[in-house]
N, C-alpha and C. Protein backbone atom coordinates (compact mmCIF):
# COMPACT_ATOMS: atom_id res chain seq x y z
N MET A 1 -21.11 18.10 73.47
CA MET A 1 -19.72 18.26 73.01
C MET A 1 -19.33 19.69 73.20
N ASN A 2 -17.86 19.68 73.75
CA ASN A 2 -17.25 21.38 73.70
C ASN A 2 -16.94 21.70 72.59
N PRO A 3 -16.76 23.18 72.33
CA PRO A 3 -16.71 23.65 70.97
C PRO A 3 -15.20 23.50 70.12
N LEU A 4 -14.03 23.01 71.31
CA LEU A 4 -13.11 22.55 70.79
C LEU A 4 -13.13 21.23 70.05
N THR A 5 -13.62 20.06 70.51
CA THR A 5 -13.94 18.84 70.20
C THR A 5 -14.87 19.09 69.01
N THR A 6 -15.63 19.77 68.66
CA THR A 6 -16.61 19.58 67.63
C THR A 6 -15.78 20.31 66.65
N THR A 7 -15.10 21.23 66.76
CA THR A 7 -13.91 21.62 65.72
C THR A 7 -13.27 20.89 65.29
N LEU A 8 -12.42 20.36 66.16
CA LEU A 8 -11.31 19.33 65.67
C LEU A 8 -12.16 17.94 64.91
N ASN A 9 -13.38 17.55 65.39
CA ASN A 9 -14.09 16.47 64.29
C ASN A 9 -14.37 17.11 63.35
N LEU A 10 -14.81 18.28 63.06
CA LEU A 10 -15.20 19.02 61.56
C LEU A 10 -13.77 18.99 61.22
N TYR A 11 -12.58 19.43 61.46
CA TYR A 11 -11.66 19.70 60.75
C TYR A 11 -11.56 18.23 60.05
N TYR A 12 -11.42 17.38 61.07
CA TYR A 12 -10.66 16.03 60.84
C TYR A 12 -11.72 14.86 59.60
N ARG A 13 -12.95 15.54 59.60
CA ARG A 13 -13.77 14.75 58.93
C ARG A 13 -13.65 15.33 57.31
N SER A 14 -13.52 16.89 57.59
CA SER A 14 -13.09 17.51 56.36
C SER A 14 -11.72 17.06 55.50
N SER A 15 -10.68 16.75 56.49
CA SER A 15 -9.49 16.61 55.87
C SER A 15 -9.67 15.40 55.29
N ARG A 16 -10.38 14.49 55.60
CA ARG A 16 -10.10 13.02 54.69
C ARG A 16 -11.27 12.98 53.68
N LEU A 17 -12.15 14.40 53.67
CA LEU A 17 -12.28 14.44 51.90
C LEU A 17 -11.37 14.38 51.13
N LEU A 18 -10.14 15.12 51.50
CA LEU A 18 -9.01 15.43 50.52
C LEU A 18 -8.34 14.05 50.26
N LEU A 19 -8.78 12.96 50.83
CA LEU A 19 -8.14 11.80 50.62
C LEU A 19 -8.53 11.34 48.89
N LEU A 20 -9.82 11.83 48.57
CA LEU A 20 -10.60 11.57 47.60
C LEU A 20 -9.86 11.88 46.43
N ALA A 21 -9.23 12.90 46.35
CA ALA A 21 -8.62 14.04 45.22
C ALA A 21 -7.26 12.67 45.16
N ALA A 22 -6.44 12.26 46.04
CA ALA A 22 -5.35 11.60 46.38
C ALA A 22 -4.85 10.73 44.63
N PRO A 23 -5.77 9.86 44.74
CA PRO A 23 -5.66 9.01 43.41
C PRO A 23 -5.53 9.95 42.14
N ALA A 24 -6.62 11.00 42.07
CA ALA A 24 -6.23 11.98 40.73
C ALA A 24 -4.73 12.38 41.04
N LEU A 25 -4.34 13.21 42.08
CA LEU A 25 -2.90 13.22 41.99
C LEU A 25 -1.89 12.29 41.52
N ASP A 26 -2.15 11.43 42.29
CA ASP A 26 -1.09 10.29 41.89
C ASP A 26 -0.88 10.07 40.43
N LEU A 27 -2.35 9.89 39.63
CA LEU A 27 -2.07 9.88 38.08
C LEU A 27 -1.52 10.85 37.49
N GLY A 28 -1.77 12.27 37.88
CA GLY A 28 -1.23 13.09 37.24
C GLY A 28 0.02 13.49 37.39
N LEU A 29 0.56 13.16 38.51
CA LEU A 29 1.84 13.04 38.69
C LEU A 29 2.83 11.92 37.66
N ARG A 30 2.30 11.09 37.74
CA ARG A 30 2.73 9.58 36.75
C ARG A 30 2.82 10.60 35.40
N LEU A 31 1.71 10.92 34.70
CA LEU A 31 1.26 11.27 33.77
C LEU A 31 2.66 12.57 33.27
N PHE A 32 2.73 13.58 34.18
CA PHE A 32 3.80 14.65 34.15
C PHE A 32 5.24 14.08 33.98
N LEU A 33 5.33 13.22 34.99
CA LEU A 33 6.67 12.50 34.89
C LEU A 33 6.88 11.70 33.44
N ALA A 34 5.95 10.90 32.81
CA ALA A 34 5.82 9.95 31.96
C ALA A 34 6.16 10.89 30.70
N ASN A 35 5.38 12.23 30.36
CA ASN A 35 5.36 13.11 29.60
C ASN A 35 6.81 13.71 29.37
N VAL A 36 7.57 14.06 30.70
CA VAL A 36 8.78 14.91 30.50
C VAL A 36 9.74 13.63 29.94
N PHE A 37 9.84 12.45 30.26
CA PHE A 37 10.90 11.11 30.11
C PHE A 37 10.74 11.07 28.52
N PHE A 38 9.13 10.48 28.32
CA PHE A 38 9.04 10.27 26.82
C PHE A 38 9.19 10.96 25.76
N LYS A 39 8.70 12.53 26.42
CA LYS A 39 9.62 13.22 24.98
C LYS A 39 10.95 13.04 24.83
N SER A 40 11.55 13.27 26.15
CA SER A 40 13.26 13.19 25.82
C SER A 40 13.58 12.07 25.23
N GLY A 41 13.06 10.65 25.04
CA GLY A 41 13.53 9.67 24.44
C GLY A 41 13.04 9.95 22.94
N LEU A 42 11.87 10.33 22.55
CA LEU A 42 11.62 10.72 21.25
C LEU A 42 12.37 11.69 20.63
N THR A 43 12.84 12.56 21.23
CA THR A 43 13.90 13.64 20.56
C THR A 43 15.23 12.58 20.46
N LYS A 44 15.44 11.85 21.15
CA LYS A 44 16.77 11.17 21.00
C LYS A 44 16.78 10.34 19.79
N ILE A 45 15.58 9.82 19.64
CA ILE A 45 15.59 8.84 18.03
C ILE A 45 14.82 9.51 17.08
N GLN A 46 14.69 10.79 17.19
CA GLN A 46 14.61 11.44 15.90
C GLN A 46 15.83 12.41 15.51
N THR A 47 16.69 12.37 16.30
CA THR A 47 18.17 12.89 15.85
C THR A 47 19.05 11.62 16.19
N TRP A 48 19.30 10.35 15.78
CA TRP A 48 19.82 9.37 16.74
C TRP A 48 21.58 9.88 16.40
N ASP A 49 21.87 10.56 15.23
CA ASP A 49 23.15 10.51 14.88
C ASP A 49 23.67 11.48 15.72
N SER A 50 22.92 12.96 16.20
CA SER A 50 23.60 13.55 17.19
C SER A 50 23.15 13.20 18.91
N THR A 51 22.35 12.18 18.80
CA THR A 51 22.29 11.26 20.17
C THR A 51 23.51 10.75 20.34
N LEU A 52 23.85 10.14 19.37
CA LEU A 52 25.27 9.03 19.43
C LEU A 52 26.52 10.11 19.72
N TYR A 53 26.63 11.37 18.80
CA TYR A 53 27.37 12.21 19.16
C TYR A 53 27.72 12.76 20.70
N LEU A 54 26.18 13.49 21.15
CA LEU A 54 26.30 13.86 22.46
C LEU A 54 26.95 12.77 23.49
N PHE A 55 26.40 11.44 23.17
CA PHE A 55 26.78 10.50 24.02
C PHE A 55 28.33 10.01 24.20
N ARG A 56 28.73 10.21 22.93
CA ARG A 56 30.54 10.19 22.55
C ARG A 56 31.36 11.39 23.30
N GLU A 57 30.91 12.42 23.01
CA GLU A 57 31.49 13.70 23.05
C GLU A 57 31.07 14.41 24.37
N GLU A 58 29.70 14.94 24.83
CA GLU A 58 29.30 15.81 25.60
C GLU A 58 29.12 15.21 26.81
N TYR A 59 28.37 13.82 26.87
CA TYR A 59 27.84 13.45 28.52
C TYR A 59 29.16 12.48 28.58
N LYS A 60 29.23 12.75 30.19
CA LYS A 60 30.45 11.81 30.72
C LYS A 60 29.25 10.57 31.77
N VAL A 61 28.99 9.74 30.41
CA VAL A 61 28.30 8.78 31.57
C VAL A 61 29.13 7.67 31.96
N PRO A 62 29.38 7.68 33.28
CA PRO A 62 30.59 6.80 33.84
C PRO A 62 30.20 5.39 33.72
N LEU A 63 31.11 4.91 33.74
CA LEU A 63 30.99 2.96 33.47
C LEU A 63 30.61 2.34 31.98
N LEU A 64 30.04 3.19 31.16
CA LEU A 64 29.24 2.53 30.21
C LEU A 64 29.60 2.82 28.82
N PRO A 65 30.02 2.24 28.03
CA PRO A 65 30.96 2.83 26.88
C PRO A 65 29.66 3.53 25.91
N PRO A 66 29.87 4.77 25.36
CA PRO A 66 29.23 5.81 25.15
C PRO A 66 27.87 5.37 24.19
N ASP A 67 28.17 4.32 23.40
CA ASP A 67 26.82 4.03 22.62
C ASP A 67 25.80 3.15 22.97
N PHE A 68 26.56 1.96 24.06
CA PHE A 68 25.60 1.66 25.36
C PHE A 68 24.87 2.20 25.99
N ALA A 69 25.38 3.30 26.15
CA ALA A 69 24.91 4.25 27.29
C ALA A 69 23.77 5.03 26.45
N ALA A 70 24.22 5.58 25.10
CA ALA A 70 23.10 6.13 24.22
C ALA A 70 21.64 5.26 24.05
N TYR A 71 22.06 3.56 23.66
CA TYR A 71 20.61 2.98 23.36
C TYR A 71 20.15 2.74 24.85
N LEU A 72 20.87 2.28 26.02
CA LEU A 72 20.41 1.88 27.00
C LEU A 72 19.45 3.30 27.81
N GLY A 73 19.58 4.50 27.54
CA GLY A 73 19.03 5.44 28.02
C GLY A 73 17.90 5.81 27.37
N THR A 74 17.91 5.66 26.28
CA THR A 74 16.88 6.23 24.92
C THR A 74 15.72 4.91 25.64
N GLY A 75 16.25 3.78 25.83
CA GLY A 75 15.31 2.86 25.72
C GLY A 75 14.53 3.03 27.19
N ALA A 76 15.50 3.38 27.70
CA ALA A 76 14.48 3.69 29.07
C ALA A 76 13.58 5.09 29.12
N GLU A 77 14.08 5.73 28.53
CA GLU A 77 13.27 6.70 28.60
C GLU A 77 11.88 6.61 27.60
N LEU A 78 11.72 5.74 26.65
CA LEU A 78 10.68 5.65 25.91
C LEU A 78 9.88 4.04 26.85
N ALA A 79 10.58 3.40 27.75
CA ALA A 79 9.65 2.24 28.07
C ALA A 79 9.09 2.31 29.46
N LEU A 80 9.84 3.34 30.41
CA LEU A 80 9.82 3.03 31.38
C LEU A 80 8.40 3.88 31.64
N PRO A 81 8.65 4.99 31.54
CA PRO A 81 7.35 6.01 30.72
C PRO A 81 5.87 5.26 30.60
N VAL A 82 6.14 4.31 29.81
CA VAL A 82 4.95 3.80 29.52
C VAL A 82 4.46 2.88 30.87
N LEU A 83 5.37 2.34 31.63
CA LEU A 83 4.86 1.70 32.77
C LEU A 83 4.34 2.72 33.89
N LEU A 84 4.73 3.72 33.70
CA LEU A 84 4.22 4.57 34.59
C LEU A 84 2.80 5.11 34.42
N VAL A 85 2.34 4.93 33.01
CA VAL A 85 1.23 5.58 32.77
C VAL A 85 0.19 4.71 33.22
N PHE A 86 0.49 3.35 32.85
CA PHE A 86 -0.16 2.36 33.45
C PHE A 86 -0.43 2.16 34.72
N GLY A 87 0.98 2.81 35.37
CA GLY A 87 0.88 2.01 36.83
C GLY A 87 1.34 0.44 36.82
N LEU A 88 1.73 0.20 35.78
CA LEU A 88 2.30 -1.42 35.76
C LEU A 88 3.67 -0.98 36.33
N LEU A 89 3.77 -2.00 37.38
CA LEU A 89 5.36 -2.07 38.03
C LEU A 89 5.95 -0.64 38.37
N GLY A 90 5.04 -0.17 39.10
CA GLY A 90 5.30 1.55 39.21
C GLY A 90 6.41 1.68 39.53
N ARG A 91 6.92 1.20 40.89
CA ARG A 91 7.91 1.51 41.96
C ARG A 91 9.44 0.64 40.88
N PHE A 92 9.54 0.06 39.73
CA PHE A 92 10.47 -0.60 39.22
C PHE A 92 10.68 0.75 38.03
N ALA A 93 9.71 1.16 37.34
CA ALA A 93 9.80 2.55 36.73
C ALA A 93 10.04 3.57 37.27
N ALA A 94 10.01 4.18 38.29
CA ALA A 94 10.03 5.20 39.08
C ALA A 94 11.70 4.94 39.41
N LEU A 95 12.13 3.65 39.91
CA LEU A 95 13.66 3.51 40.16
C LEU A 95 14.43 3.77 39.01
N GLY A 96 13.83 2.99 38.03
CA GLY A 96 14.72 3.15 36.98
C GLY A 96 15.22 4.66 36.24
N LEU A 97 13.87 5.36 36.50
CA LEU A 97 14.11 6.67 35.86
C LEU A 97 14.61 7.71 36.91
N THR A 98 14.66 7.35 38.23
CA THR A 98 15.39 8.06 39.44
C THR A 98 16.72 7.97 38.89
N ILE A 99 16.93 6.78 38.70
CA ILE A 99 18.70 6.44 38.32
C ILE A 99 18.74 7.20 37.11
N LEU A 100 18.32 6.83 36.31
CA LEU A 100 18.41 7.96 34.56
C LEU A 100 18.38 9.08 34.95
N ASN A 101 17.67 9.99 35.84
CA ASN A 101 18.06 11.33 36.11
C ASN A 101 19.06 11.48 36.64
N ALA A 102 19.26 10.76 37.67
CA ALA A 102 20.88 10.90 38.22
C ALA A 102 22.00 10.89 37.78
N VAL A 103 21.95 10.02 36.46
CA VAL A 103 23.12 9.66 35.99
C VAL A 103 23.03 10.87 34.68
N ALA A 104 21.77 11.47 34.31
CA ALA A 104 21.88 12.25 33.31
C ALA A 104 22.34 13.95 34.10
N ALA A 105 22.07 14.01 35.10
CA ALA A 105 22.52 15.06 35.79
C ALA A 105 24.00 15.32 36.33
N TYR A 106 24.48 13.85 36.92
CA TYR A 106 25.68 13.85 36.82
C TYR A 106 26.65 14.07 35.62
N SER A 107 26.19 13.20 34.73
CA SER A 107 27.13 13.12 33.13
C SER A 107 27.15 14.57 32.60
N TYR A 108 26.54 15.49 33.00
CA TYR A 108 26.58 16.85 32.21
C TYR A 108 26.00 17.82 33.22
N TYR A 109 26.67 17.92 34.39
CA TYR A 109 26.59 18.66 35.75
C TYR A 109 27.36 20.16 35.19
N ASP A 110 28.48 19.79 34.72
CA ASP A 110 29.11 21.10 34.18
C ASP A 110 28.39 21.90 33.23
N GLN A 111 27.67 21.54 32.62
CA GLN A 111 26.64 22.09 31.65
C GLN A 111 25.36 22.41 31.78
N LEU A 112 25.07 22.00 33.09
CA LEU A 112 23.89 22.52 33.09
C LEU A 112 23.61 23.59 34.13
N SER A 113 22.60 24.69 33.75
CA SER A 113 22.52 25.70 34.79
C SER A 113 21.99 25.27 35.79
N GLU A 114 21.81 26.68 36.63
CA GLU A 114 20.86 26.19 37.98
C GLU A 114 19.64 26.01 37.94
N ALA A 115 19.08 26.38 36.57
CA ALA A 115 17.47 26.10 36.52
C ALA A 115 17.83 24.65 35.92
N GLY A 116 18.48 24.32 35.15
CA GLY A 116 18.45 22.74 34.57
C GLY A 116 18.91 21.73 35.42
N LEU A 117 19.42 22.45 36.80
CA LEU A 117 20.01 21.31 37.69
C LEU A 117 18.51 21.51 38.50
N ASN A 118 17.96 22.33 39.02
CA ASN A 118 16.35 22.27 39.93
C ASN A 118 15.42 21.40 39.13
N GLN A 119 15.67 21.45 37.80
CA GLN A 119 14.83 20.83 37.15
C GLN A 119 15.11 19.39 37.33
N HIS A 120 15.93 18.77 37.61
CA HIS A 120 16.33 17.22 37.44
C HIS A 120 16.00 17.02 39.06
N LEU A 121 16.58 18.03 40.05
CA LEU A 121 16.02 17.57 41.28
C LEU A 121 14.58 17.81 41.66
N TYR A 122 13.80 18.73 40.73
CA TYR A 122 12.36 18.68 41.06
C TYR A 122 11.79 17.28 40.35
N TRP A 123 12.34 16.70 39.33
CA TRP A 123 11.98 15.42 38.79
C TRP A 123 12.30 13.88 39.87
N GLY A 124 13.42 14.53 40.34
CA GLY A 124 14.09 13.59 41.43
C GLY A 124 12.98 13.26 42.35
N LEU A 125 12.74 14.51 42.78
CA LEU A 125 11.65 14.48 44.28
C LEU A 125 10.46 13.42 43.74
N LEU A 126 9.82 13.78 42.65
CA LEU A 126 8.60 13.77 42.41
C LEU A 126 8.73 12.08 41.95
N LEU A 127 9.60 11.57 41.45
CA LEU A 127 9.90 10.06 41.47
C LEU A 127 10.22 9.63 42.76
N ALA A 128 10.51 10.44 43.79
CA ALA A 128 11.26 9.68 45.02
C ALA A 128 9.78 9.45 45.38
N VAL A 129 8.58 10.29 45.60
CA VAL A 129 7.27 10.42 45.85
C VAL A 129 6.32 9.34 45.25
N LEU A 130 6.55 8.77 44.14
CA LEU A 130 6.03 7.78 43.83
C LEU A 130 6.98 6.01 43.88
N LEU A 131 8.21 6.20 44.13
CA LEU A 131 8.70 5.43 44.55
C LEU A 131 8.53 4.78 45.85
N LEU A 132 8.69 5.85 46.74
CA LEU A 132 8.07 6.00 48.65
C LEU A 132 6.97 5.28 48.61
N HIS A 133 5.68 6.04 47.95
CA HIS A 133 4.73 5.87 48.29
C HIS A 133 3.47 5.22 47.26
N GLY A 134 4.22 4.40 46.13
CA GLY A 134 3.56 3.94 45.20
C GLY A 134 2.76 5.07 44.19
N LEU A 135 2.37 4.17 43.57
CA LEU A 135 1.22 4.86 42.26
C LEU A 135 -0.35 5.24 42.40
N GLY A 136 -0.53 4.73 43.51
CA GLY A 136 -1.70 5.30 43.73
C GLY A 136 -3.07 3.70 43.78
N LYS A 137 -4.13 4.46 43.80
CA LYS A 137 -5.48 3.64 43.63
C LYS A 137 -5.93 3.23 42.19
N TRP A 138 -5.63 4.37 41.76
CA TRP A 138 -5.67 3.83 39.70
C TRP A 138 -4.56 3.78 39.27
N SER A 139 -3.89 2.37 39.30
CA SER A 139 -2.73 1.83 38.64
C SER A 139 -2.98 0.29 38.66
N ALA A 140 -2.13 -0.22 37.59
CA ALA A 140 -2.66 -1.69 37.15
C ALA A 140 -1.85 -2.10 38.57
N ASP A 141 -0.63 -1.88 39.12
CA ASP A 141 -0.71 -2.49 40.64
C ASP A 141 -1.47 -2.69 41.46
N GLU A 142 -2.32 -1.57 41.64
CA GLU A 142 -3.18 -1.50 43.02
C GLU A 142 -4.25 -2.70 42.29
N TRP A 143 -4.57 -3.03 40.73
CA TRP A 143 -5.70 -4.07 41.02
C TRP A 143 -4.85 -5.13 40.71
N LEU A 144 -3.55 -5.42 40.32
CA LEU A 144 -3.15 -6.48 40.42
C LEU A 144 -2.64 -7.28 41.71
N GLU A 145 -2.37 -6.31 42.45
CA GLU A 145 -1.95 -6.75 44.07
C GLU A 145 -3.64 -7.41 44.70
N LYS A 146 -4.53 -6.56 44.43
CA LYS A 146 -5.71 -6.99 45.06
C LYS A 146 -6.31 -8.32 44.50
N ARG A 147 -5.77 -8.58 43.28
CA ARG A 147 -6.19 -9.60 42.91
C ARG A 147 -5.28 -11.12 43.07
N LEU A 148 -3.82 -10.77 43.24
CA LEU A 148 -2.83 -11.78 43.87
C LEU A 148 -3.11 -12.18 45.33
N HIS A 149 -3.69 -11.03 46.08
CA HIS A 149 -3.89 -11.28 47.45
C HIS A 149 -5.39 -11.93 47.93
N ARG A 150 -6.45 -11.91 46.82
CA ARG A 150 -7.53 -12.01 46.87
C ARG A 150 -7.40 -13.86 46.83
N GLY A 151 -6.55 -14.39 46.29
CA GLY A 151 -6.62 -15.92 46.06
C GLY A 151 -5.53 -16.88 47.23
């Protein structure tokens, strides 16, 4: 083998080692996003009167009555992160949180600082990774899909 072929083979073999870390990264991403949205939901239920006030007076959620939007948004922030943690119906959870994130950013866009808007964009990008690539090998979805295709 010539030196270039040897170097390329070494590069590609060592690059494959990085794939071993992918499930841990997928899990870390799921836990990070679940934490962000779940804490937001907990804050909303701890100060429910304030939450209802904000949805009625501050947030401009399109198409939905404010009280319904408050219940729906809070329920989503509490339920969908649990699905992400376990990796169960993960793409559904990621899509739901993506919609919630987009509606939240839109609803109080004029009140968001540049840093706040960037935070929503960041969460949206991370959710897009889960939505498009799946939740990884350490997920209930992966386990269930293997079991379903086996029979």
